[in-house]
Every structure is written in C-alpha cells, then in structure tokens.
Protein backbone atom coordinates (compact mmCIF):
# COMPACT_ATOMS: atom_id res chain seq x y z
CA LEU A 1 -2.52 2.92 40.50
CA GLY A 2 -5.58 2.09 38.42
CA PHE A 3 -8.54 3.89 36.93
CA THR A 4 -12.00 2.64 36.11
CA LEU A 5 -13.33 4.57 33.15
CA GLY A 6 -16.65 4.19 31.36
CA VAL A 7 -16.09 5.20 27.76
CA PRO A 8 -19.24 4.91 25.60
CA PRO A 9 -19.18 3.35 22.13
CA VAL A 10 -18.60 5.61 19.15
CA ALA A 11 -22.30 5.51 18.28
CA ALA A 12 -23.17 6.99 21.68
CA LEU A 13 -20.68 9.85 21.57
CA PRO A 14 -21.79 13.43 20.85
CA PRO A 15 -20.84 15.01 17.51
CA ALA A 16 -17.10 15.41 16.98
CA GLY A 17 -17.07 19.10 17.86
CA ALA A 18 -18.87 18.58 21.16
CA ARG A 19 -16.74 15.86 22.74
CA SER A 20 -14.61 16.38 25.82
CA PHE A 21 -12.83 14.21 28.37
CA THR A 22 -12.48 15.38 31.96
CA ILE A 23 -10.97 13.80 35.06
CA THR A 24 -11.73 15.27 38.49
CA ALA A 25 -10.37 14.36 41.88
CA ASP A 26 -12.40 12.32 44.37
CA THR A 27 -12.14 14.20 47.67
CA ALA A 28 -12.98 11.19 49.86
CA ALA A 29 -10.60 10.60 52.76
CA GLY A 30 -7.69 8.24 52.28
CA LEU A 31 -7.31 8.71 48.52
CA ALA A 32 -4.16 9.90 46.81
CA THR A 33 -3.97 13.37 45.32
CA LEU A 34 -4.67 13.55 41.60
CA THR A 35 -1.98 15.41 39.70
CA ALA A 36 -1.45 16.20 36.05
CA ALA A 37 1.25 13.54 35.94
CA SER A 38 -1.06 10.80 37.25
CA ALA A 39 -4.10 11.60 35.12
CA PRO A 40 -4.63 9.08 32.28
CA THR A 41 -5.24 10.13 28.71
CA LEU A 42 -7.57 8.66 26.11
CA SER A 43 -4.61 7.57 24.02
CA GLY A 44 -3.43 5.43 26.91
CA PHE A 45 -6.27 2.94 26.71
CA LEU A 46 -7.90 3.33 23.31
CA GLY A 47 -6.59 2.07 20.01
CA SER A 48 -6.28 4.02 16.78
CA THR A 49 -8.74 3.25 14.01
CA PRO A 50 -10.29 5.26 11.19
CA GLY A 51 -13.87 6.42 11.57
CA LEU A 52 -15.82 7.36 8.45
CA TYR A 53 -19.11 9.27 8.35
CA SER A 54 -21.80 10.32 5.90
CA ASP A 55 -24.08 12.88 7.58
CA THR A 56 -27.45 14.03 6.23
CA TRP A 57 -29.56 16.86 7.66
CA PHE A 58 -33.20 17.09 6.67
CA PRO A 59 -34.56 20.65 6.36
CA SER A 60 -36.57 22.07 9.26
CA THR A 61 -39.69 21.80 7.09
CA VAL A 62 -39.42 17.98 7.17
CA ARG A 63 -39.84 16.70 10.71
CA SER A 64 -41.16 13.20 10.01
CA VAL A 65 -41.75 10.72 7.20
CA GLY A 66 -43.92 7.65 6.74
CA THR A 67 -41.03 5.40 5.63
CA LEU A 68 -37.28 5.85 6.00
CA ASP A 69 -35.08 3.64 3.80
CA LEU A 70 -31.38 3.38 4.62
CA PHE A 71 -29.17 1.47 2.20
CA ILE A 72 -25.84 -0.23 2.89
CA THR A 73 -23.79 -2.13 0.30
CA PRO A 74 -20.69 -3.78 1.80
CA ALA A 75 -18.64 -4.12 -1.39
CA THR A 76 -16.08 -6.35 0.32
CA ASP A 77 -15.97 -8.67 3.33
CA PRO A 78 -13.24 -7.49 5.74
CA GLY A 79 -12.97 -10.93 7.36
CA PRO A 80 -14.73 -13.09 9.95
CA ASN A 81 -12.92 -11.53 12.94
CA SER A 82 -12.62 -7.95 11.70
CA ASN A 83 -15.12 -6.26 14.06
CA VAL A 84 -16.46 -3.74 11.55
CA PHE A 85 -19.86 -2.10 12.03
CA TRP A 86 -21.67 -0.37 9.16
CA SER A 87 -24.42 1.64 10.77
CA ASN A 88 -27.32 4.02 10.21
CA GLN A 89 -27.69 6.35 13.20
CA ILE A 90 -31.05 8.12 13.40
CA GLY A 91 -30.60 11.08 15.71
CA SER A 92 -34.30 11.83 16.12
CA LEU A 93 -35.00 8.23 17.19
CA ASN A 94 -31.97 8.21 19.49
CA GLY A 95 -30.54 5.02 18.07
CA TYR A 96 -29.17 3.08 15.13
CA THR A 97 -29.61 0.04 12.89
CA GLY A 98 -26.91 -1.69 10.85
CA LEU A 99 -24.83 -4.80 10.22
CA GLN A 100 -21.52 -6.17 11.43
CA SER A 101 -18.72 -8.23 9.88
CA THR A 102 -17.70 -10.73 12.57
CA GLU A 103 -18.98 -14.31 12.55
CA LEU A 104 -20.69 -14.92 15.89
CA VAL A 105 -21.98 -18.06 17.56
CA SER A 106 -23.97 -18.60 20.75
CA ALA A 107 -26.36 -21.21 22.10
CA SER A 108 -29.17 -18.69 22.58
CA GLU A 109 -28.92 -16.54 19.44
CA GLY A 110 -27.47 -18.91 16.86
CA VAL A 111 -24.73 -18.28 14.32
CA GLY A 112 -24.06 -15.66 11.68
CA LYS A 113 -23.08 -12.05 11.19
CA GLN A 114 -25.06 -9.66 13.34
CA PHE A 115 -27.72 -7.11 12.38
CA LEU A 116 -28.72 -4.62 15.08
CA PHE A 117 -31.55 -2.25 15.93
CA SER A 118 -30.91 -0.26 19.13
CA LEU A 119 -32.68 2.73 20.67
CA TRP A 120 -31.39 4.43 23.82
CA GLY A 121 -34.02 5.10 26.46
CA ALA A 122 -36.56 2.73 24.89
CA THR A 123 -38.73 0.79 27.33
CA ALA A 124 -40.04 -2.23 25.39
CA ALA A 125 -39.19 -4.42 22.40
CA LYS A 126 -40.77 -7.21 20.38
CA PRO A 127 -38.77 -9.79 18.39
CA GLY A 128 -39.19 -9.72 14.63
CA THR A 129 -38.88 -12.63 12.21
CA PRO A 130 -38.49 -15.96 14.08
CA ALA A 131 -35.91 -18.65 13.35
CA SER A 132 -38.74 -20.87 12.12
CA ALA A 133 -39.01 -18.66 9.01
CA GLY A 134 -35.77 -20.22 7.78
CA ILE A 135 -34.02 -16.88 7.13
CA GLY A 136 -30.99 -16.63 9.38
CA ALA A 137 -31.07 -17.34 13.10
CA GLY A 138 -34.16 -15.33 14.03
CA SER A 139 -34.74 -12.21 16.13
CA TYR A 140 -33.76 -11.70 19.78
CA CYS A 141 -34.47 -8.57 21.82
CA THR A 142 -33.39 -7.28 25.23
CA VAL A 143 -34.59 -4.36 27.34
CA SER A 144 -32.53 -3.35 30.37
CA GLY A 145 -30.42 -0.71 32.02
CA SER A 146 -27.46 -1.78 29.86
CA ALA A 147 -29.09 -3.15 26.69
CA THR A 148 -27.85 -0.40 24.39
CA ASP A 149 -24.06 -0.32 24.55
CA GLY A 150 -24.10 -0.31 28.34
CA SER A 151 -26.88 2.28 28.63
CA ALA A 152 -30.58 1.90 29.33
CA GLY A 153 -32.74 1.09 26.34
CA ALA A 154 -33.71 -1.72 24.00
CA GLN A 155 -31.79 -3.71 21.42
CA CYS A 156 -32.92 -6.30 18.87
CA ARG A 157 -30.38 -8.57 17.17
CA TYR A 158 -30.54 -10.86 14.16
CA ARG A 159 -27.83 -13.16 12.82
CA TYR A 160 -27.77 -13.66 9.09
CA GLU A 161 -25.03 -14.40 6.54
CA TRP A 162 -24.97 -11.29 4.38
CA HIS A 163 -23.06 -11.31 1.09
CA ALA A 164 -20.42 -8.86 -0.11
CA GLY A 165 -21.63 -6.86 -3.08
CA HIS A 166 -25.28 -7.10 -2.05
CA THR A 167 -27.36 -4.06 -1.15
CA TYR A 168 -29.35 -4.22 2.08
CA ARG A 169 -32.24 -1.84 2.69
CA PHE A 170 -32.98 -1.02 6.32
CA ARG A 171 -36.59 0.17 6.29
CA ILE A 172 -37.70 2.07 9.40
CA THR A 173 -41.47 2.37 9.76
CA PRO A 174 -43.99 2.82 12.55
CA ASP A 175 -45.09 -0.63 13.71
CA THR A 176 -48.83 -0.08 13.45
CA SER A 177 -49.54 -3.59 14.72
CA GLN A 178 -48.13 -2.56 18.12
CA GLY A 179 -49.51 0.99 18.27
CA PRO A 180 -48.14 4.56 18.55
CA GLY A 181 -44.53 4.95 19.63
CA TRP A 182 -43.43 1.59 18.18
CA PHE A 183 -40.85 1.47 15.37
CA LYS A 184 -39.69 -1.48 13.29
CA SER A 185 -36.46 -2.15 11.40
CA ASN A 186 -36.87 -4.45 8.41
CA VAL A 187 -33.93 -5.64 6.29
CA THR A 188 -34.40 -6.63 2.65
CA ASP A 189 -31.79 -7.68 0.09
CA VAL A 190 -32.55 -5.37 -2.87
CA THR A 191 -29.47 -6.16 -4.97
CA ASN A 192 -29.87 -5.10 -8.61
CA GLY A 193 -33.41 -3.95 -7.98
CA THR A 194 -34.69 -7.39 -7.03
CA THR A 195 -36.25 -8.48 -3.75
CA GLY A 196 -34.33 -11.21 -1.96
CA ASP A 197 -34.36 -12.34 1.66
CA SER A 198 -36.34 -10.08 3.97
CA PHE A 199 -36.60 -10.14 7.75
CA ASP A 200 -37.61 -7.92 10.67
CA ILE A 201 -34.80 -7.31 13.17
CA GLY A 202 -37.47 -6.30 15.68
CA SER A 203 -39.75 -3.54 16.94
CA ILE A 204 -38.93 -1.08 19.74
CA TYR A 205 -41.15 1.21 21.81
CA VAL A 206 -39.84 4.71 22.49
CA GLY A 207 -42.54 5.82 24.93
CA THR A 208 -44.23 8.44 22.76
CA THR A 209 -47.41 8.78 20.71
CA GLN A 210 -45.53 9.20 17.42
CA THR A 211 -47.13 7.59 14.38
CA GLN A 212 -44.50 8.66 11.82
CA VAL A 213 -40.72 8.27 11.71
CA PRO A 214 -39.07 11.43 13.08
CA VAL A 215 -36.16 12.71 10.98
CA GLY A 216 -33.57 15.41 11.41
CA TRP A 217 -29.94 14.29 11.46
CA ILE A 218 -28.92 10.88 10.12
CA SER A 219 -25.35 9.60 10.19
CA GLN A 220 -24.29 6.55 8.20
CA TRP A 221 -20.89 5.44 9.38
CA VAL A 222 -18.15 2.83 9.51
CA GLU A 223 -16.78 1.81 12.91
CA TYR A 224 -13.86 -0.47 13.67
CA PHE A 225 -14.91 -1.38 17.17
CA ASP A 226 -11.47 -2.79 17.98
CA TRP A 227 -10.75 0.88 18.82
CA ASN A 228 -11.52 -0.12 22.41
CA SER A 229 -8.26 -2.12 22.59
CA SER A 230 -5.06 -0.16 23.19
CA ARG A 231 -3.22 -2.69 20.98
CA THR A 232 -5.20 -1.77 17.87
CA SER A 233 -3.34 0.44 15.41
CA CYS A 234 -4.20 2.00 12.08
CA ALA A 235 -1.99 -0.58 10.34
CA SER A 236 -3.73 -3.57 11.95
CA ILE A 237 -7.23 -2.88 10.62
CA ALA A 238 -8.78 -4.78 7.71
CA HIS A 239 -9.85 -3.21 4.43
CA THR A 240 -13.50 -2.28 4.13
CA ASP A 241 -15.44 -0.63 1.32
CA ALA A 242 -19.14 0.22 1.59
CA GLN A 243 -21.71 2.46 -0.06
CA PHE A 244 -24.50 4.26 1.80
CA SER A 245 -27.61 6.16 0.72
CA ILE A 246 -31.02 7.29 2.00
CA ARG A 247 -34.55 7.52 0.61
CA ALA A 248 -37.71 8.69 2.34
CA TYR A 249 -41.45 8.63 1.65
CA ASP A 250 -44.46 10.34 3.13
CA ALA A 251 -47.43 8.53 4.66
CA ILE A 252 -49.03 7.84 1.26
CA GLY A 253 -45.84 6.77 -0.50
CA ASN A 254 -44.71 9.96 -2.21
CA ALA A 255 -40.95 10.45 -2.34
CA VAL A 256 -39.53 13.02 0.07
CA PRO A 257 -36.41 14.85 -1.19
CA VAL A 258 -33.28 13.84 0.73
CA PRO A 259 -30.38 16.34 0.89
CA ALA A 260 -26.94 15.27 -0.29
CA PRO A 261 -24.74 13.95 2.52
CA SER A 262 -21.58 15.49 3.91
CA VAL A 263 -18.73 12.97 4.26
CA THR A 264 -15.90 13.16 6.79
CA VAL A 265 -13.23 10.99 8.43
CA ASN A 266 -11.81 11.26 11.92
CA LYS A 267 -8.23 12.25 12.69
CA SER A 268 -7.20 9.10 14.58
CA CYS A 269 -5.16 7.77 11.64
CA PRO A 270 -3.12 9.32 8.83
CA ALA A 271 -5.17 10.34 5.81
CA SER A 272 -3.98 7.31 3.83
CA TYR A 273 -6.00 4.99 6.08
CA ALA A 274 -9.45 6.32 5.11
CA ASN A 275 -11.21 7.64 2.04
CA ALA A 276 -14.70 9.18 1.99
CA SER A 277 -16.53 10.53 -1.03
CA GLN A 278 -20.07 11.07 -2.28
CA ALA A 279 -21.71 11.39 -5.68
CA ASN A 280 -25.40 11.67 -6.53
CA GLY A 281 -26.39 11.10 -2.92
CA VAL A 282 -24.39 7.88 -2.54
CA ALA A 283 -21.51 7.93 -0.05
CA THR A 284 -18.53 5.61 -0.47
CA LEU A 285 -16.61 5.03 2.75
CA ILE A 286 -13.35 3.07 2.50
CA GLY A 287 -11.30 2.07 5.52
CA GLY A 288 -7.73 0.87 5.01
CA PRO A 289 -7.52 1.52 1.24
CA GLN A 290 -4.01 0.02 1.14
CA GLN A 291 -4.80 -2.82 3.55
CA SER A 292 -6.08 -6.32 2.77
CA ALA A 293 -9.03 -8.07 4.36
CA ALA A 294 -8.26 -10.32 7.33
CA GLY A 295 -7.68 -13.70 5.69
CA LEU A 296 -5.61 -16.86 5.40
CA VAL A 297 -2.01 -17.18 4.18
CA LYS A 298 -1.78 -20.62 2.55
CA SER A 299 1.11 -22.84 1.52
CA GLY A 300 0.64 -26.34 0.14
CA GLY A 301 -2.83 -26.63 1.62
CA ALA A 302 -1.71 -25.49 5.10
CA CYS A 303 -2.22 -22.09 6.71
CA LEU A 304 0.17 -19.72 8.45
CA THR A 305 -0.63 -19.98 12.16
CA ALA A 306 0.62 -18.27 15.30
CA SER A 307 0.97 -21.56 17.15
CA GLY A 308 1.08 -19.99 20.61
CA GLY A 309 -1.83 -17.64 20.01
CA LEU A 310 -1.65 -13.87 19.86
CA ALA A 311 1.38 -13.23 22.07
CA ASP A 312 4.93 -11.99 21.74
CA GLY A 313 7.19 -14.90 20.84
CA SER A 314 4.45 -17.10 19.42
CA VAL A 315 6.05 -19.32 16.76
CA ALA A 316 4.68 -19.06 13.23
CA THR A 317 4.00 -22.51 11.78
CA LEU A 318 1.88 -24.05 9.04
CA GLY A 319 -1.28 -25.58 10.47
CA THR A 320 -4.64 -26.96 9.42
CA CYS A 321 -6.70 -24.35 7.60
CA PRO A 322 -10.11 -23.42 8.95
CA THR A 323 -13.10 -24.06 6.72
CA LEU A 324 -16.18 -21.93 6.27
CA ALA A 325 -18.10 -24.52 8.29
CA SER A 326 -15.58 -24.43 11.15
CA VAL A 327 -15.60 -20.62 11.25
CA ARG A 328 -19.38 -20.61 11.49
CA ALA A 329 -19.32 -23.33 14.13
CA SER A 330 -16.69 -21.68 16.36
CA GLY A 331 -16.95 -17.97 15.51
CA GLY A 332 -14.46 -15.73 13.75
CA THR A 333 -12.37 -14.66 16.75
CA HIS A 334 -11.55 -18.32 17.50
CA PHE A 335 -9.29 -18.18 14.45
CA ASN A 336 -7.44 -14.96 15.33
CA PRO A 337 -4.04 -16.78 15.15
CA GLN A 338 -4.71 -17.68 11.49
CA LEU A 339 -6.25 -14.48 10.15
CA TRP A 340 -3.75 -11.96 8.79
CA VAL A 341 -3.87 -8.47 7.30
CA VAL A 342 -1.35 -7.47 4.65
CA ALA A 343 -0.79 -3.92 5.82
CA GLY A 344 0.02 -0.94 3.67
CA ASP A 345 3.34 -0.49 5.50
CA GLY A 346 4.65 -3.87 4.28
CA THR A 347 3.93 -5.84 7.45
CA LEU A 348 1.83 -8.98 7.90
CA GLN A 349 -0.29 -8.55 11.01
CA THR A 350 -2.80 -10.37 13.15
CA LYS A 351 -5.33 -8.52 15.26
CA TYR A 352 -3.98 -6.29 17.99
CA SER A 353 -0.77 -5.29 16.17
CA TYR A 354 1.23 -8.50 16.26
CA CYS A 355 3.59 -8.71 13.28
CA LEU A 356 5.10 -11.75 11.59
CA THR A 357 8.77 -11.08 12.32
CA ALA A 358 11.80 -12.72 10.70
CA GLN A 359 14.56 -13.96 12.99
CA ALA A 360 18.30 -13.81 12.42
CA PRO A 361 19.71 -16.45 10.05
CA GLY A 362 20.33 -19.71 11.90
CA SER A 363 17.70 -19.07 14.56
CA ALA A 364 15.71 -22.08 15.73
CA ASN A 365 12.45 -20.51 14.61
CA GLY A 366 12.14 -18.90 11.20
CA ALA A 367 9.51 -16.34 12.20
CA LEU A 368 7.77 -15.28 15.37
CA LEU A 369 4.93 -13.03 16.37
CA ARG A 370 6.21 -9.76 17.81
CA THR A 371 4.50 -6.52 18.74
CA CYS A 372 4.69 -4.35 15.64
CA VAL A 373 7.24 -1.53 15.78
CA PRO A 374 6.73 0.91 12.89
CA GLY A 375 9.77 1.43 10.69
CA THR A 376 11.72 -1.69 11.65
CA ALA A 377 12.97 -4.02 8.91
CA SER A 378 12.34 -7.45 10.43
CA PRO A 379 8.53 -7.38 10.03
CA GLN A 380 8.73 -6.19 6.40
CA TRP A 381 7.64 -8.73 3.78
CA GLN A 382 7.27 -8.94 0.03
CA VAL A 383 5.16 -11.30 -2.03
CA LYS A 384 7.28 -12.58 -4.92
CA ALA A 385 6.68 -15.09 -7.69
CA GLY A 386 7.35 -18.68 -6.63
CA THR A 387 9.51 -21.26 -8.37
CA LEU A 388 6.47 -23.09 -9.77
CA PRO A 389 3.83 -21.59 -12.09
CA GLY A 390 0.98 -19.94 -10.21
CA THR A 391 2.82 -19.91 -6.86
CA ALA A 392 4.18 -17.10 -4.71
CA GLN A 393 6.74 -16.68 -1.96
CA LEU A 394 6.60 -14.57 1.19
CA VAL A 395 10.07 -13.06 1.49
CA SER A 396 11.48 -11.07 4.42
CA GLN A 397 13.04 -7.79 3.35
C-alpha cells in the first residue's frame, strides 16, 4: 500500500492556525476501501525540526512603501550540508527572499551558498547581476508551473559565499527599468554600517500595475528543510543563530515606522531545541541552542568518517579530511559521512539521525553508525582532555 502526497514547503503553508491535513477516499472502481487504520499521518513521512518565526504586521494605514529593507545576520555557519534557510516572506507580494546554508555546485549555476527570490503566481523574471561582475556565480531565473517550490511562479537564484557575522540587507524595490508590476531583490553586505559586495538576485513580474512595494504581513523565519525527511529528528539538526530586522521608506526616502515583531517557535520539537526573542525591533532566532554546527571530528590530521556512507552498520574510520576547496568543488552533501553534529543529548550524529555507536569490548569494529535510539547508552559520548597538551579524547559513556 502506498500513498502519493504533495506536501508544500513550509514557506507555502498557511499560517499555523489555519493548517489542516485531510485524506479522502477515491471512489474509482477497483480501489481498496480507505479506513482510519490505513490512512497515513503527517508524522509518518515528515521529520521533526524546529521552526522559528518573527512576524510583523504593518498598520492598515500603510499599504505600500517605496523601499522595503529586510536584514539578516547569520551569526554562525551551521555547516556546508545543514540545509538551513533564513528567509523574508512578504505576504503582500506572495513570495520570499533569503539565503541558505548549504554549499551547492552545478554546471549551469556555479558554486556557492544560495540566495533566493521567489514569487508564487508570477509570470516573468529577469536575471540580475551577471557572473561577469565577479561577485559570486551570477543570477539565474526560471518561470514555470513548478518554479516556486513546485508551484507556478518565478524564482531567481544567486550563489555567493556569505560570511557568518555579516549583515545582509535584502532591498525590495519596484524595478522601474522594467515597468509597473516588476520587483527587484538586491542584496548588499552592510556589516558595521559599511557597504560591501552588492548584487541583484533578479527581478520578477507579478502581473499588476503596482509601482510601490505592497506591505501588510512580513514573516522572517528559520527553516530546517530537512524536515521533509522522516529520518530527521530534533537532535540531528545543526546549531543556527541569526538576527532579523526590517526598515521601510516612502517614495521620497522618508522612514516609515515599522511595528515591533512577534516571535514564535513551532511545537515540532521540545522547547530546548529553539529560542526566539526580540529587542528594539531586532529578532534573534536560535535553532538547536545546545547543538553544535555540522563539522569535522579530527584526530592526528584525519577525520572521523562513516566509511560505508550514511547507513546502519557503516564502520567509523579515520579518513582524509575535506578541504574548503573540495567542499566547494563537490558540494556540501557529498561530505555527509564526515560532517557530524554534537547533539545536546550527548550523541554524535550525522544527518538523518545516524549515531556514532560504540560496540561491545572485543568487537572487530570499535564504532559503527546506527540509527539513533533516544535514551540508549551506546551512542553517548564525552569529550575529555587528552594525554597530550591541547588534545582531547572522544570517550564512550
């Protein structure tokens, strides 16, 4: 028995209080009867990850602005395979713009971490800054019936190596060079009040005559998009820490007051796996406060490696460490067997909830990859001081 289910990405879901999941029987001849026992549940095919949100509602007296500035500061890098998305969702434009954590590589779009500008229902798009500008890999846009997370619309992408601790301003403006109904997302590094690299992700046409940026509800959020794997658990996610804020200006550059945001977290994980706060209009959203980033475990210049890949029984060995150049050449997910999260529950995990697991004394292999089972002793590890100065030992509890 199998089911084909189309579950939209988090960004495309309605607000938390308006979500529902329904399964109805197909009455076509020759099909089995659907019963309560045979109906799948969301928990059966989705993983558990924290979701963190900073929501801002403009007053009804402010329907549009000349310039909308959305700021994201990723304070830490969760790792090259961590699949984290920091996003600005603009409800009145029916889309979002933001940046992701995973190192990507492709022949057509180049290498780097991905910046996105997507609008559902949009009908045209123009690439922004080209690769010839020497800032990242350049802009690429697609318009199709599945361009925006599997739905009709337009999406522009840009690969660029952002830096932890830097502040990136996503500036949404009407693209007057294209005409009414066109909107552009520009990214500028504004760390410490300076102007660094700046590039246009692209421009998208929404099929209206609008000449200002419509505003209403804006949600700035953190998504672990490994939620779409049933093997993802709260304890397998990498640590992330980011700050978000908003500024707005009218058509002649006067500042428009922006209300303070309301911060929330979802209920998919225990409260210890997420922390959201705001002060003076700046939201701080932290996923996995007690987790580490996804990174390397080194010993004598070699790296802990699941030699058989991510699978039960894969033997843990010491292998050649990846370099920054090799990660950028092959992409972050290529190195899944070497990227580990030190979890808050004392386990050492790869993606998809595989734990480094000690074997019984005298076993042929000292440690294997096993599916994590909460509360068991064999995957519990401690980092203790090594026998030489400046060294450490990984000790099974």
